[in-house]
Amino acid sequence: MFEGVVGVLIAAITFWDVRITLLALYFTIAAWAFITGVLEIVAAIHLRSHLNNEFWLIIGGIASILFSGLMIWYPLAGALALVWLISAYAIVFGIIMIGFSLRLRGHSAALAAESTR
């Protein structure tokens, strides 16, 4: 019940002012990148005795922290970058789904021919 009430409240806030939701999502992504970066560095330090080349995990953590810092300091550029990333994903995913549908269409024709035998 509580989750449902919270969901309805969040939906009402979103309809009331979309900017609040966009801002919350934006800073959630920035916080996620920062926390992920810190945890990657901590994991690399703890795994140092078990892994070779753990510095790659440290570099990934630093990149995540830098990304989050850039999102905070340059919110307009960060928002634009997120829009470009999401749109690039949508285009690539759309192309993949078109290819998949063509493959299924060929599979459907083969199944239809097989069922008429």
PDB file of N, CA and C in Angstrom:
ATOM      1  N   MET A   1       0.828  -1.182   0.000  1.00  0.00           N
ATOM      2  CA  MET A   1       0.000   0.000   0.000  1.00  0.00           C
ATOM      3  C   MET A   1       0.875   1.248   0.000  1.00  0.00           C
ATOM      4  N   PHE A   2       1.910   1.219   0.850  1.00  0.00           N
ATOM      5  CA  PHE A   2       2.802   2.380   0.942  1.00  0.00           C
ATOM      6  C   PHE A   2       3.479   2.659  -0.397  1.00  0.00           C
ATOM      7  N   GLU A   3       3.951   1.606  -1.043  1.00  0.00           N
ATOM      8  CA  GLU A   3       4.614   1.773  -2.342  1.00  0.00           C
ATOM      9  C   GLU A   3       3.645   2.348  -3.374  1.00  0.00           C
ATOM     10  N   GLY A   4       2.407   1.910  -3.348  1.00  0.00           N
ATOM     11  CA  GLY A   4       1.406   2.436  -4.268  1.00  0.00           C
ATOM     12  C   GLY A   4       1.129   3.909  -4.032  1.00  0.00           C
ATOM     13  N   VAL A   5       1.009   4.298  -2.761  1.00  0.00           N
ATOM     14  CA  VAL A   5       0.773   5.704  -2.426  1.00  0.00           C
ATOM     15  C   VAL A   5       1.952   6.566  -2.854  1.00  0.00           C
ATOM     16  N   VAL A   6       3.163   6.087  -2.598  1.00  0.00           N
ATOM     17  CA  VAL A   6       4.357   6.831  -3.009  1.00  0.00           C
ATOM     18  C   VAL A   6       4.408   6.956  -4.526  1.00  0.00           C
ATOM     19  N   GLY A   7       4.077   5.890  -5.238  1.00  0.00           N
ATOM     20  CA  GLY A   7       4.065   5.935  -6.696  1.00  0.00           C
ATOM     21  C   GLY A   7       3.074   6.955  -7.232  1.00  0.00           C
ATOM     22  N   VAL A   8       1.884   6.994  -6.633  1.00  0.00           N
ATOM     23  CA  VAL A   8       0.875   7.972  -7.060  1.00  0.00           C
ATOM     24  C   VAL A   8       1.344   9.392  -6.755  1.00  0.00           C
ATOM     25  N   LEU A   9       1.960   9.605  -5.595  1.00  0.00           N
ATOM     26  CA  LEU A   9       2.478  10.931  -5.256  1.00  0.00           C
ATOM     27  C   LEU A   9       3.584  11.371  -6.218  1.00  0.00           C
ATOM     28  N   ILE A  10       4.479  10.469  -6.548  1.00  0.00           N
ATOM     29  CA  ILE A  10       5.547  10.802  -7.488  1.00  0.00           C
ATOM     30  C   ILE A  10       4.963  11.112  -8.859  1.00  0.00           C
ATOM     31  N   ALA A  11       3.969  10.355  -9.282  1.00  0.00           N
ATOM     32  CA  ALA A  11       3.315  10.629 -10.565  1.00  0.00           C
ATOM     33  C   ALA A  11       2.645  12.003 -10.545  1.00  0.00           C
ATOM     34  N   ALA A  12       1.989  12.337  -9.435  1.00  0.00           N
ATOM     35  CA  ALA A  12       1.336  13.646  -9.329  1.00  0.00           C
ATOM     36  C   ALA A  12       2.366  14.770  -9.392  1.00  0.00           C
ATOM     37  N   ILE A  13       3.481  14.597  -8.701  1.00  0.00           N
ATOM     38  CA  ILE A  13       4.545  15.605  -8.742  1.00  0.00           C
ATOM     39  C   ILE A  13       5.096  15.728 -10.147  1.00  0.00           C
ATOM     40  N   THR A  14       5.264  14.601 -10.822  1.00  0.00           N
ATOM     41  CA  THR A  14       5.782  14.613 -12.192  1.00  0.00           C
ATOM     42  C   THR A  14       4.834  15.369 -13.122  1.00  0.00           C
ATOM     43  N   PHE A  15       3.544  15.113 -13.008  1.00  0.00           N
ATOM     44  CA  PHE A  15       2.580  15.825 -13.853  1.00  0.00           C
ATOM     45  C   PHE A  15       2.504  17.303 -13.486  1.00  0.00           C
ATOM     46  N   TRP A  16       2.681  17.598 -12.217  1.00  0.00           N
ATOM     47  CA  TRP A  16       2.617  18.980 -11.759  1.00  0.00           C
ATOM     48  C   TRP A  16       3.781  19.790 -12.311  1.00  0.00           C
ATOM     49  N   ASP A  17       4.991  19.249 -12.208  1.00  0.00           N
ATOM     50  CA  ASP A  17       6.171  19.958 -12.708  1.00  0.00           C
ATOM     51  C   ASP A  17       7.217  18.941 -13.144  1.00  0.00           C
ATOM     52  N   VAL A  18       7.304  18.727 -14.441  1.00  0.00           N
ATOM     53  CA  VAL A  18       8.222  17.740 -15.001  1.00  0.00           C
ATOM     54  C   VAL A  18       9.675  18.091 -14.687  1.00  0.00           C
ATOM     55  N   ARG A  19       9.971  19.372 -14.564  1.00  0.00           N
ATOM     56  CA  ARG A  19      11.361  19.795 -14.308  1.00  0.00           C
ATOM     57  C   ARG A  19      11.904  19.206 -13.016  1.00  0.00           C
ATOM     58  N   ILE A  20      11.052  19.092 -11.997  1.00  0.00           N
ATOM     59  CA  ILE A  20      11.495  18.517 -10.725  1.00  0.00           C
ATOM     60  C   ILE A  20      11.938  17.073 -10.931  1.00  0.00           C
ATOM     61  N   THR A  21      11.152  16.322 -11.694  1.00  0.00           N
ATOM     62  CA  THR A  21      11.481  14.926 -11.959  1.00  0.00           C
ATOM     63  C   THR A  21      12.763  14.817 -12.769  1.00  0.00           C
ATOM     64  N   LEU A  22      12.903  15.651 -13.780  1.00  0.00           N
ATOM     65  CA  LEU A  22      14.123  15.626 -14.590  1.00  0.00           C
ATOM     66  C   LEU A  22      15.340  15.982 -13.751  1.00  0.00           C
ATOM     67  N   LEU A  23      15.197  16.978 -12.900  1.00  0.00           N
ATOM     68  CA  LEU A  23      16.306  17.383 -12.035  1.00  0.00           C
ATOM     69  C   LEU A  23      16.672  16.263 -11.060  1.00  0.00           C
ATOM     70  N   ALA A  24      15.656  15.635 -10.486  1.00  0.00           N
ATOM     71  CA  ALA A  24      15.912  14.528  -9.555  1.00  0.00           C
ATOM     72  C   ALA A  24      16.600  13.369 -10.261  1.00  0.00           C
ATOM     73  N   LEU A  25      16.140  13.032 -11.458  1.00  0.00           N
ATOM     74  CA  LEU A  25      16.764  11.956 -12.217  1.00  0.00           C
ATOM     75  C   LEU A  25      18.207  12.300 -12.560  1.00  0.00           C
ATOM     76  N   TYR A  26      18.424  13.536 -12.984  1.00  0.00           N
ATOM     77  CA  TYR A  26      19.761  13.980 -13.358  1.00  0.00           C
ATOM     78  C   TYR A  26      20.738  13.847 -12.185  1.00  0.00           C
ATOM     79  N   PHE A  27      20.330  14.352 -11.018  1.00  0.00           N
ATOM     80  CA  PHE A  27      21.227  14.287  -9.869  1.00  0.00           C
ATOM     81  C   PHE A  27      21.319  12.877  -9.285  1.00  0.00           C
ATOM     82  N   THR A  28      20.307  12.055  -9.512  1.00  0.00           N
ATOM     83  CA  THR A  28      20.408  10.646  -9.122  1.00  0.00           C
ATOM     84  C   THR A  28      21.478   9.946  -9.953  1.00  0.00           C
ATOM     85  N   ILE A  29      21.518  10.239 -11.240  1.00  0.00           N
ATOM     86  CA  ILE A  29      22.552   9.664 -12.102  1.00  0.00           C
ATOM     87  C   ILE A  29      23.931  10.146 -11.672  1.00  0.00           C
ATOM     88  N   ALA A  30      24.048  11.436 -11.344  1.00  0.00           N
ATOM     89  CA  ALA A  30      25.342  11.972 -10.888  1.00  0.00           C
ATOM     90  C   ALA A  30      25.775  11.305  -9.580  1.00  0.00           C
ATOM     91  N   ALA A  31      24.845  11.153  -8.644  1.00  0.00           N
ATOM     92  CA  ALA A  31      25.172  10.507  -7.369  1.00  0.00           C
ATOM     93  C   ALA A  31      25.527   9.039  -7.583  1.00  0.00           C
ATOM     94  N   TRP A  32      24.782   8.361  -8.462  1.00  0.00           N
ATOM     95  CA  TRP A  32      25.081   6.966  -8.768  1.00  0.00           C
ATOM     96  C   TRP A  32      26.495   6.825  -9.330  1.00  0.00           C
ATOM     97  N   ALA A  33      26.867   7.713 -10.255  1.00  0.00           N
ATOM     98  CA  ALA A  33      28.208   7.653 -10.842  1.00  0.00           C
ATOM     99  C   ALA A  33      29.277   7.876  -9.774  1.00  0.00           C
ATOM    100  N   PHE A  34      29.045   8.809  -8.874  1.00  0.00           N
ATOM    101  CA  PHE A  34      30.021   9.088  -7.821  1.00  0.00           C
ATOM    102  C   PHE A  34      30.167   7.895  -6.881  1.00  0.00           C
ATOM    103  N   ILE A  35      29.047   7.374  -6.409  1.00  0.00           N
ATOM    104  CA  ILE A  35      29.087   6.244  -5.475  1.00  0.00           C
ATOM    105  C   ILE A  35      29.706   5.018  -6.138  1.00  0.00           C
ATOM    106  N   THR A  36      29.343   4.757  -7.390  1.00  0.00           N
ATOM    107  CA  THR A  36      29.927   3.640  -8.125  1.00  0.00           C
ATOM    108  C   THR A  36      31.432   3.797  -8.248  1.00  0.00           C
ATOM    109  N   GLY A  37      31.888   5.018  -8.553  1.00  0.00           N
ATOM    110  CA  GLY A  37      33.321   5.279  -8.678  1.00  0.00           C
ATOM    111  C   GLY A  37      34.069   5.005  -7.387  1.00  0.00           C
ATOM    112  N   VAL A  38      33.513   5.498  -6.284  1.00  0.00           N
ATOM    113  CA  VAL A  38      34.155   5.278  -4.982  1.00  0.00           C
ATOM    114  C   VAL A  38      34.206   3.789  -4.671  1.00  0.00           C
ATOM    115  N   LEU A  39      33.113   3.088  -4.911  1.00  0.00           N
ATOM    116  CA  LEU A  39      33.084   1.646  -4.618  1.00  0.00           C
ATOM    117  C   LEU A  39      34.023   0.849  -5.521  1.00  0.00           C
ATOM    118  N   GLU A  40      34.198   1.291  -6.766  1.00  0.00           N
ATOM    119  CA  GLU A  40      35.152   0.622  -7.657  1.00  0.00           C
ATOM    120  C   GLU A  40      36.578   0.785  -7.143  1.00  0.00           C
ATOM    121  N   ILE A  41      36.906   1.960  -6.667  1.00  0.00           N
ATOM    122  CA  ILE A  41      38.254   2.196  -6.129  1.00  0.00           C
ATOM    123  C   ILE A  41      38.462   1.367  -4.865  1.00  0.00           C
ATOM    124  N   VAL A  42      37.467   1.342  -3.992  1.00  0.00           N
ATOM    125  CA  VAL A  42      37.567   0.541  -2.770  1.00  0.00           C
ATOM    126  C   VAL A  42      37.719  -0.941  -3.113  1.00  0.00           C
ATOM    127  N   ALA A  43      36.938  -1.424  -4.078  1.00  0.00           N
ATOM    128  CA  ALA A  43      37.031  -2.830  -4.491  1.00  0.00           C
ATOM    129  C   ALA A  43      38.412  -3.132  -5.056  1.00  0.00           C
ATOM    130  N   ALA A  44      38.961  -2.223  -5.845  1.00  0.00           N
ATOM    131  CA  ALA A  44      40.293  -2.444  -6.419  1.00  0.00           C
ATOM    132  C   ALA A  44      41.344  -2.532  -5.325  1.00  0.00           C
ATOM    133  N   ILE A  45      41.225  -1.706  -4.325  1.00  0.00           N
ATOM    134  CA  ILE A  45      42.191  -1.735  -3.221  1.00  0.00           C
ATOM    135  C   ILE A  45      42.078  -3.057  -2.462  1.00  0.00           C
ATOM    136  N   HIS A  46      40.848  -3.502  -2.209  1.00  0.00           N
ATOM    137  CA  HIS A  46      40.655  -4.763  -1.484  1.00  0.00           C
ATOM    138  C   HIS A  46      41.075  -5.978  -2.315  1.00  0.00           C
ATOM    139  N   LEU A  47      40.954  -5.882  -3.633  1.00  0.00           N
ATOM    140  CA  LEU A  47      41.295  -7.012  -4.491  1.00  0.00           C
ATOM    141  C   LEU A  47      42.743  -6.987  -4.962  1.00  0.00           C
ATOM    142  N   ARG A  48      43.500  -6.020  -4.508  1.00  0.00           N
ATOM    143  CA  ARG A  48      44.882  -5.835  -4.963  1.00  0.00           C
ATOM    144  C   ARG A  48      45.713  -7.109  -4.825  1.00  0.00           C
ATOM    145  N   SER A  49      45.519  -7.849  -3.755  1.00  0.00           N
ATOM    146  CA  SER A  49      46.329  -9.059  -3.550  1.00  0.00           C
ATOM    147  C   SER A  49      45.824 -10.244  -4.381  1.00  0.00           C
ATOM    148  N   HIS A  50      44.618 -10.156  -4.924  1.00  0.00           N
ATOM    149  CA  HIS A  50      44.037 -11.257  -5.674  1.00  0.00           C
ATOM    150  C   HIS A  50      44.026 -11.049  -7.190  1.00  0.00           C
ATOM    151  N   LEU A  51      44.178  -9.824  -7.619  1.00  0.00           N
ATOM    152  CA  LEU A  51      44.074  -9.502  -9.042  1.00  0.00           C
ATOM    153  C   LEU A  51      45.345  -8.857  -9.555  1.00  0.00           C
ATOM    154  N   ASN A  52      45.619  -9.134 -10.808  1.00  0.00           N
ATOM    155  CA  ASN A  52      46.637  -8.360 -11.506  1.00  0.00           C
ATOM    156  C   ASN A  52      45.923  -7.261 -12.267  1.00  0.00           C
ATOM    157  N   ASN A  53      46.585  -6.160 -12.485  1.00  0.00           N
ATOM    158  CA  ASN A  53      46.029  -5.035 -13.247  1.00  0.00           C
ATOM    159  C   ASN A  53      44.762  -4.465 -12.632  1.00  0.00           C
ATOM    160  N   GLU A  54      44.701  -4.407 -11.314  1.00  0.00           N
ATOM    161  CA  GLU A  54      43.539  -3.821 -10.658  1.00  0.00           C
ATOM    162  C   GLU A  54      43.451  -2.317 -10.907  1.00  0.00           C
ATOM    163  N   PHE A  55      44.521  -1.751 -11.461  1.00  0.00           N
ATOM    164  CA  PHE A  55      44.513  -0.316 -11.739  1.00  0.00           C
ATOM    165  C   PHE A  55      43.438   0.045 -12.761  1.00  0.00           C
ATOM    166  N   TRP A  56      43.009  -0.923 -13.582  1.00  0.00           N
ATOM    167  CA  TRP A  56      41.926  -0.641 -14.526  1.00  0.00           C
ATOM    168  C   TRP A  56      40.623  -0.343 -13.785  1.00  0.00           C
ATOM    169  N   LEU A  57      40.403  -1.053 -12.707  1.00  0.00           N
ATOM    170  CA  LEU A  57      39.227  -0.790 -11.891  1.00  0.00           C
ATOM    171  C   LEU A  57      39.341   0.578 -11.214  1.00  0.00           C
ATOM    172  N   ILE A  58      40.539   0.930 -10.788  1.00  0.00           N
ATOM    173  CA  ILE A  58      40.770   2.259 -10.197  1.00  0.00           C
ATOM    174  C   ILE A  58      40.543   3.340 -11.243  1.00  0.00           C
ATOM    175  N   ILE A  59      41.040   3.140 -12.451  1.00  0.00           N
ATOM    176  CA  ILE A  59      40.839   4.122 -13.529  1.00  0.00           C
ATOM    177  C   ILE A  59      39.342   4.260 -13.837  1.00  0.00           C
ATOM    178  N   GLY A  60      38.621   3.139 -13.859  1.00  0.00           N
ATOM    179  CA  GLY A  60      37.175   3.196 -14.066  1.00  0.00           C
ATOM    180  C   GLY A  60      36.476   3.969 -12.959  1.00  0.00           C
ATOM    181  N   GLY A  61      36.915   3.764 -11.731  1.00  0.00           N
ATOM    182  CA  GLY A  61      36.345   4.500 -10.597  1.00  0.00           C
ATOM    183  C   GLY A  61      36.612   5.991 -10.694  1.00  0.00           C
ATOM    184  N   ILE A  62      37.837   6.338 -11.077  1.00  0.00           N
ATOM    185  CA  ILE A  62      38.183   7.754 -11.245  1.00  0.00           C
ATOM    186  C   ILE A  62      37.349   8.370 -12.365  1.00  0.00           C
ATOM    187  N   ALA A  63      37.168   7.621 -13.457  1.00  0.00           N
ATOM    188  CA  ALA A  63      36.359   8.126 -14.574  1.00  0.00           C
ATOM    189  C   ALA A  63      34.914   8.353 -14.123  1.00  0.00           C
ATOM    190  N   SER A  64      34.368   7.461 -13.317  1.00  0.00           N
ATOM    191  CA  SER A  64      32.998   7.633 -12.818  1.00  0.00           C
ATOM    192  C   SER A  64      32.887   8.860 -11.925  1.00  0.00           C
ATOM    193  N   ILE A  65      33.881   9.062 -11.065  1.00  0.00           N
ATOM    194  CA  ILE A  65      33.866  10.233 -10.179  1.00  0.00           C
ATOM    195  C   ILE A  65      34.003  11.520 -10.996  1.00  0.00           C
ATOM    196  N   LEU A  66      34.888  11.514 -11.993  1.00  0.00           N
ATOM    197  CA  LEU A  66      35.024  12.690 -12.853  1.00  0.00           C
ATOM    198  C   LEU A  66      33.736  12.977 -13.612  1.00  0.00           C
ATOM    199  N   PHE A  67      33.107  11.930 -14.117  1.00  0.00           N
ATOM    200  CA  PHE A  67      31.835  12.090 -14.820  1.00  0.00           C
ATOM    201  C   PHE A  67      30.795  12.738 -13.914  1.00  0.00           C
ATOM    202  N   SER A  68      30.715  12.274 -12.681  1.00  0.00           N
ATOM    203  CA  SER A  68      29.733  12.844 -11.767  1.00  0.00           C
ATOM    204  C   SER A  68      30.066  14.295 -11.446  1.00  0.00           C
ATOM    205  N   GLY A  69      31.359  14.602 -11.291  1.00  0.00           N
ATOM    206  CA  GLY A  69      31.760  15.988 -11.039  1.00  0.00           C
ATOM    207  C   GLY A  69      31.422  16.894 -12.205  1.00  0.00           C
ATOM    208  N   LEU A  70      31.661  16.404 -13.412  1.00  0.00           N
ATOM    209  CA  LEU A  70      31.326  17.203 -14.598  1.00  0.00           C
ATOM    210  C   LEU A  70      29.813  17.414 -14.711  1.00  0.00           C
ATOM    211  N   MET A  71      29.038  16.410 -14.331  1.00  0.00           N
ATOM    212  CA  MET A  71      27.584  16.575 -14.358  1.00  0.00           C
ATOM    213  C   MET A  71      27.136  17.655 -13.379  1.00  0.00           C
ATOM    214  N   ILE A  72      27.772  17.715 -12.227  1.00  0.00           N
ATOM    215  CA  ILE A  72      27.395  18.714 -11.218  1.00  0.00           C
ATOM    216  C   ILE A  72      27.841  20.109 -11.662  1.00  0.00           C
ATOM    217  N   TRP A  73      29.073  20.227 -12.170  1.00  0.00           N
ATOM    218  CA  TRP A  73      29.600  21.543 -12.530  1.00  0.00           C
ATOM    219  C   TRP A  73      29.042  22.075 -13.847  1.00  0.00           C
ATOM    220  N   TYR A  74      28.689  21.197 -14.750  1.00  0.00           N
ATOM    221  CA  TYR A  74      28.158  21.606 -16.054  1.00  0.00           C
ATOM    222  C   TYR A  74      26.833  20.891 -16.314  1.00  0.00           C
ATOM    223  N   PRO A  75      25.784  21.273 -15.595  1.00  0.00           N
ATOM    224  CA  PRO A  75      24.530  20.523 -15.715  1.00  0.00           C
ATOM    225  C   PRO A  75      23.903  20.593 -17.104  1.00  0.00           C
ATOM    226  N   LEU A  76      24.023  21.713 -17.786  1.00  0.00           N
ATOM    227  CA  LEU A  76      23.427  21.809 -19.117  1.00  0.00           C
ATOM    228  C   LEU A  76      24.127  20.875 -20.101  1.00  0.00           C
ATOM    229  N   ALA A  77      25.441  20.884 -20.061  1.00  0.00           N
ATOM    230  CA  ALA A  77      26.207  19.992 -20.943  1.00  0.00           C
ATOM    231  C   ALA A  77      25.954  18.529 -20.573  1.00  0.00           C
ATOM    232  N   GLY A  78      25.853  18.244 -19.291  1.00  0.00           N
ATOM    233  CA  GLY A  78      25.573  16.876 -18.849  1.00  0.00           C
ATOM    234  C   GLY A  78      24.206  16.405 -19.298  1.00  0.00           C
ATOM    235  N   ALA A  79      23.213  17.291 -19.204  1.00  0.00           N
ATOM    236  CA  ALA A  79      21.865  16.926 -19.649  1.00  0.00           C
ATOM    237  C   ALA A  79      21.856  16.682 -21.153  1.00  0.00           C
ATOM    238  N   LEU A  80      22.549  17.529 -21.886  1.00  0.00           N
ATOM    239  CA  LEU A  80      22.626  17.350 -23.336  1.00  0.00           C
ATOM    240  C   LEU A  80      23.324  16.033 -23.684  1.00  0.00           C
ATOM    241  N   ALA A  81      24.398  15.719 -22.958  1.00  0.00           N
ATOM    242  CA  ALA A  81      25.104  14.457 -23.191  1.00  0.00           C
ATOM    243  C   ALA A  81      24.190  13.268 -22.910  1.00  0.00           C
ATOM    244  N   LEU A  82      23.393  13.342 -21.845  1.00  0.00           N
ATOM    245  CA  LEU A  82      22.468  12.248 -21.540  1.00  0.00           C
ATOM    246  C   LEU A  82      21.416  12.097 -22.628  1.00  0.00           C
ATOM    247  N   VAL A  83      20.927  13.212 -23.142  1.00  0.00           N
ATOM    248  CA  VAL A  83      19.951  13.148 -24.229  1.00  0.00           C
ATOM    249  C   VAL A  83      20.571  12.473 -25.448  1.00  0.00           C
ATOM    250  N   TRP A  84      21.805  12.837 -25.783  1.00  0.00           N
ATOM    251  CA  TRP A  84      22.485  12.220 -26.930  1.00  0.00           C
ATOM    252  C   TRP A  84      22.710  10.731 -26.693  1.00  0.00           C
ATOM    253  N   LEU A  85      23.111  10.354 -25.480  1.00  0.00           N
ATOM    254  CA  LEU A  85      23.326   8.935 -25.180  1.00  0.00           C
ATOM    255  C   LEU A  85      22.026   8.145 -25.285  1.00  0.00           C
ATOM    256  N   ILE A  86      20.961   8.693 -24.743  1.00  0.00           N
ATOM    257  CA  ILE A  86      19.676   8.000 -24.798  1.00  0.00           C
ATOM    258  C   ILE A  86      19.190   7.896 -26.236  1.00  0.00           C
ATOM    259  N   SER A  87      19.348   8.964 -27.012  1.00  0.00           N
ATOM    260  CA  SER A  87      18.897   8.906 -28.405  1.00  0.00           C
ATOM    261  C   SER A  87      19.754   7.949 -29.228  1.00  0.00           C
ATOM    262  N   ALA A  88      21.059   7.915 -28.974  1.00  0.00           N
ATOM    263  CA  ALA A  88      21.925   6.964 -29.684  1.00  0.00           C
ATOM    264  C   ALA A  88      21.525   5.536 -29.335  1.00  0.00           C
ATOM    265  N   TYR A  89      21.247   5.294 -28.062  1.00  0.00           N
ATOM    266  CA  TYR A  89      20.777   3.969 -27.642  1.00  0.00           C
ATOM    267  C   TYR A  89      19.475   3.617 -28.356  1.00  0.00           C
ATOM    268  N   ALA A  90      18.546   4.559 -28.410  1.00  0.00           N
ATOM    269  CA  ALA A  90      17.255   4.297 -29.046  1.00  0.00           C
ATOM    270  C   ALA A  90      17.431   3.959 -30.523  1.00  0.00           C
ATOM    271  N   ILE A  91      18.325   4.655 -31.202  1.00  0.00           N
ATOM    272  CA  ILE A  91      18.558   4.381 -32.623  1.00  0.00           C
ATOM    273  C   ILE A  91      19.168   2.993 -32.808  1.00  0.00           C
ATOM    274  N   VAL A  92      20.204   2.689 -32.035  1.00  0.00           N
ATOM    275  CA  VAL A  92      20.866   1.381 -32.151  1.00  0.00           C
ATOM    276  C   VAL A  92      19.890   0.262 -31.790  1.00  0.00           C
ATOM    277  N   PHE A  93      19.147   0.441 -30.710  1.00  0.00           N
ATOM    278  CA  PHE A  93      18.190  -0.577 -30.293  1.00  0.00           C
ATOM    279  C   PHE A  93      17.102  -0.754 -31.347  1.00  0.00           C
ATOM    280  N   GLY A  94      16.645   0.345 -31.932  1.00  0.00           N
ATOM    281  CA  GLY A  94      15.636   0.267 -32.989  1.00  0.00           C
ATOM    282  C   GLY A  94      16.132  -0.501 -34.196  1.00  0.00           C
ATOM    283  N   ILE A  95      17.367  -0.237 -34.608  1.00  0.00           N
ATOM    284  CA  ILE A  95      17.953  -0.959 -35.744  1.00  0.00           C
ATOM    285  C   ILE A  95      18.067  -2.453 -35.432  1.00  0.00           C
ATOM    286  N   ILE A  96      18.497  -2.756 -34.220  1.00  0.00           N
ATOM    287  CA  ILE A  96      18.612  -4.158 -33.815  1.00  0.00           C
ATOM    288  C   ILE A  96      17.249  -4.840 -33.823  1.00  0.00           C
ATOM    289  N   MET A  97      16.221  -4.167 -33.341  1.00  0.00           N
ATOM    290  CA  MET A  97      14.883  -4.751 -33.327  1.00  0.00           C
ATOM    291  C   MET A  97      14.329  -4.921 -34.741  1.00  0.00           C
ATOM    292  N   ILE A  98      14.650  -4.007 -35.653  1.00  0.00           N
ATOM    293  CA  ILE A  98      14.232  -4.178 -37.055  1.00  0.00           C
ATOM    294  C   ILE A  98      14.899  -5.423 -37.642  1.00  0.00           C
ATOM    295  N   GLY A  99      16.206  -5.560 -37.396  1.00  0.00           N
ATOM    296  CA  GLY A  99      16.912  -6.759 -37.858  1.00  0.00           C
ATOM    297  C   GLY A  99      16.324  -8.022 -37.267  1.00  0.00           C
ATOM    298  N   PHE A 100      15.998  -7.974 -35.983  1.00  0.00           N
ATOM    299  CA  PHE A 100      15.396  -9.133 -35.315  1.00  0.00           C
ATOM    300  C   PHE A 100      14.039  -9.456 -35.919  1.00  0.00           C
ATOM    301  N   SER A 101      13.237  -8.422 -36.214  1.00  0.00           N
ATOM    302  CA  SER A 101      11.913  -8.674 -36.796  1.00  0.00           C
ATOM    303  C   SER A 101      12.032  -9.293 -38.187  1.00  0.00           C
ATOM    304  N   LEU A 102      13.033  -8.858 -38.957  1.00  0.00           N
ATOM    305  CA  LEU A 102      13.238  -9.463 -40.273  1.00  0.00           C
ATOM    306  C   LEU A 102      13.639 -10.923 -40.138  1.00  0.00           C
ATOM    307  N   ARG A 103      14.450 -11.202 -39.149  1.00  0.00           N
ATOM    308  CA  ARG A 103      14.864 -12.587 -38.894  1.00  0.00           C
ATOM    309  C   ARG A 103      13.656 -13.424 -38.482  1.00  0.00           C
ATOM    310  N   LEU A 104      12.803 -12.876 -37.630  1.00  0.00           N
ATOM    311  CA  LEU A 104      11.606 -13.603 -37.213  1.00  0.00           C
ATOM    312  C   LEU A 104      10.651 -13.814 -38.381  1.00  0.00           C
ATOM    313  N   ARG A 105      10.568 -12.820 -39.258  1.00  0.00           N
ATOM    314  CA  ARG A 105       9.692 -12.962 -40.424  1.00  0.00           C
ATOM    315  C   ARG A 105      10.153 -14.127 -41.294  1.00  0.00           C
ATOM    316  N   GLY A 106      11.461 -14.234 -41.486  1.00  0.00           N
ATOM    317  CA  GLY A 106      12.002 -15.373 -42.234  1.00  0.00           C
ATOM    318  C   GLY A 106      11.731 -16.679 -41.521  1.00  0.00           C
ATOM    319  N   HIS A 107      11.837 -16.668 -40.209  1.00  0.00           N
ATOM    320  CA  HIS A 107      11.563 -17.864 -39.413  1.00  0.00           C
ATOM    321  C   HIS A 107      10.087 -18.223 -39.501  1.00  0.00           C
ATOM    322  N   SER A 108       9.231 -17.238 -39.493  1.00  0.00           N
ATOM    323  CA  SER A 108       7.782 -17.464 -39.586  1.00  0.00           C
ATOM    324  C   SER A 108       7.427 -18.092 -40.920  1.00  0.00           C
ATOM    325  N   ALA A 109       8.049 -17.616 -41.993  1.00  0.00           N
ATOM    326  CA  ALA A 109       7.779 -18.181 -43.332  1.00  0.00           C
ATOM    327  C   ALA A 109       8.227 -19.648 -43.373  1.00  0.00           C
ATOM    328  N   ALA A 110       9.358 -19.953 -42.760  1.00  0.00           N
ATOM    329  CA  ALA A 110       9.840 -21.332 -42.741  1.00  0.00           C
ATOM    330  C   ALA A 110       8.904 -22.218 -41.932  1.00  0.00           C
ATOM    331  N   LEU A 111       8.377 -21.710 -40.825  1.00  0.00           N
ATOM    332  CA  LEU A 111       7.444 -22.494 -40.011  1.00  0.00           C
ATOM    333  C   LEU A 111       6.137 -22.723 -40.745  1.00  0.00           C
ATOM    334  N   ALA A 112       5.661 -21.709 -41.478  1.00  0.00           N
ATOM    335  CA  ALA A 112       4.424 -21.850 -42.239  1.00  0.00           C
ATOM    336  C   ALA A 112       4.577 -22.897 -43.339  1.00  0.00           C
ATOM    337  N   ALA A 113       5.720 -22.882 -44.020  1.00  0.00           N
ATOM    338  CA  ALA A 113       5.963 -23.869 -45.070  1.00  0.00           C
ATOM    339  C   ALA A 113       6.060 -25.272 -44.483  1.00  0.00           C
ATOM    340  N   GLU A 114       6.653 -25.389 -43.313  1.00  0.00           N
ATOM    341  CA  GLU A 114       6.809 -26.687 -42.669  1.00  0.00           C
ATOM    342  C   GLU A 114       5.478 -27.224 -42.184  1.00  0.00           C
ATOM    343  N   SER A 115       4.585 -26.372 -41.745  1.00  0.00           N
ATOM    344  CA  SER A 115       3.304 -26.834 -41.204  1.00  0.00           C
ATOM    345  C   SER A 115       2.339 -27.256 -42.304  1.00  0.00           C
ATOM    346  N   THR A 116       2.574 -26.808 -43.540  1.00  0.00           N
ATOM    347  CA  THR A 116       1.688 -27.199 -44.648  1.00  0.00           C
ATOM    348  C   THR A 116       2.060 -28.564 -45.208  1.00  0.00           C
ATOM    349  N   ARG A 117       3.180 -29.125 -44.824  1.00  0.00           N
ATOM    350  CA  ARG A 117       3.606 -30.436 -45.331  1.00  0.00           C
ATOM    351  C   ARG A 117       2.785 -31.521 -44.782  1.00  0.00           C
TER     352      ARG A 117
END
